[in-house]
């Protein structure tokens, strides 16, 4: 796999976090505690900087975050079948 096509560990951590959101209820958010590990904390901060979640420690999905999570979770469902 070429360097351009490689998925970094940072992106994987972001995808793991997005996959945790319950898209059936926009009333549910996530709180990433420091005990979750450095990778999860950093992923939440990057998702916030990208405008996908409302808080640096998780919070709720923004409109863009909902769209990203929907696409990610659909892809994961396809890959599982």
Protein backbone atom coordinates (compact mmCIF):
# COMPACT_ATOMS: atom_id res chain seq x y z
CA UNK A 1 0.00 0.00 0.00
CA UNK A 2 1.40 3.39 -0.91
CA UNK A 3 1.96 6.10 1.65
CA UNK A 4 -0.88 8.19 0.16
CA UNK A 5 -3.40 5.37 0.59
CA UNK A 6 -2.36 4.38 4.09
CA UNK A 7 -4.80 5.08 6.88
CA UNK A 8 -2.92 6.56 9.81
CA UNK A 9 -3.47 5.47 13.38
CA UNK A 10 -4.77 8.99 14.07
CA UNK A 11 -7.49 8.61 11.41
CA UNK A 12 -8.39 5.17 12.73
CA UNK A 13 -8.80 6.63 16.23
CA UNK A 14 -11.08 9.34 14.81
CA UNK A 15 -13.15 6.75 12.94
CA UNK A 16 -13.45 4.61 16.08
CA UNK A 17 -14.77 7.60 17.98
CA UNK A 18 -17.25 8.54 15.23
CA UNK A 19 -18.48 4.94 15.14
CA UNK A 20 -19.46 5.18 18.83
CA UNK A 21 -22.09 7.88 18.25
CA UNK A 22 -25.70 6.70 18.33
CA UNK A 23 -27.23 8.12 15.16
CA UNK A 24 -30.71 7.05 16.26
CA UNK A 25 -30.66 9.72 18.98
CA UNK A 26 -29.11 13.13 18.51
CA UNK A 27 -29.74 13.69 22.24
CA UNK A 28 -26.83 11.37 23.07
CA UNK A 29 -23.31 12.70 23.02
CA UNK A 30 -19.95 11.34 24.07
CA UNK A 31 -17.57 12.44 26.80
CA UNK A 32 -13.98 11.34 26.26
CA UNK A 33 -12.27 11.17 29.62
CA UNK A 34 -8.49 11.31 29.94
CA UNK A 35 -8.64 7.74 31.22
CA UNK A 36 -9.82 6.72 27.73
CA UNK A 37 -6.22 6.98 26.56
CA UNK A 38 -4.11 9.47 24.70
CA UNK A 39 -5.27 8.32 21.24
CA UNK A 40 -8.97 8.79 22.05
CA UNK A 41 -8.41 12.17 23.72
CA UNK A 42 -6.36 13.41 20.77
CA UNK A 43 -8.95 12.06 18.31
CA UNK A 44 -11.74 13.97 20.06
CA UNK A 45 -9.67 17.15 19.93
CA UNK A 46 -8.98 16.69 16.20
CA UNK A 47 -12.65 15.99 15.47
CA UNK A 48 -13.54 19.18 17.31
CA UNK A 49 -10.93 21.17 15.37
CA UNK A 50 -12.41 19.79 12.14
CA UNK A 51 -15.90 20.87 13.17
CA UNK A 52 -17.33 17.37 13.57
CA UNK A 53 -18.10 17.50 17.31
CA UNK A 54 -19.17 20.35 19.54
CA UNK A 55 -16.56 19.99 22.31
CA UNK A 56 -12.85 19.16 22.44
CA UNK A 57 -13.71 16.21 24.71
CA UNK A 58 -16.53 14.93 22.49
CA UNK A 59 -19.91 16.47 23.06
CA UNK A 60 -22.46 16.15 20.29
CA UNK A 61 -22.07 15.70 16.56
CA UNK A 62 -22.36 18.82 14.44
CA UNK A 63 -24.28 18.64 11.14
CA UNK A 64 -21.01 17.81 9.40
CA UNK A 65 -20.24 15.23 12.08
CA UNK A 66 -23.61 13.55 11.57
CA UNK A 67 -22.91 13.29 7.85
CA UNK A 68 -19.44 11.86 8.45
CA UNK A 69 -20.70 9.38 11.06
CA UNK A 70 -23.53 8.25 8.77
CA UNK A 71 -21.10 7.55 5.94
CA UNK A 72 -18.63 5.80 8.24
CA UNK A 73 -21.25 3.65 9.92
CA UNK A 74 -22.75 2.73 6.52
CA UNK A 75 -19.32 1.68 5.27
CA UNK A 76 -18.74 -0.41 8.38
CA UNK A 77 -22.11 -2.12 7.90
CA UNK A 78 -21.24 -2.96 4.29
CA UNK A 79 -17.85 -4.32 5.27
CA UNK A 80 -19.38 -6.51 7.98
CA UNK A 81 -21.71 -8.27 5.53
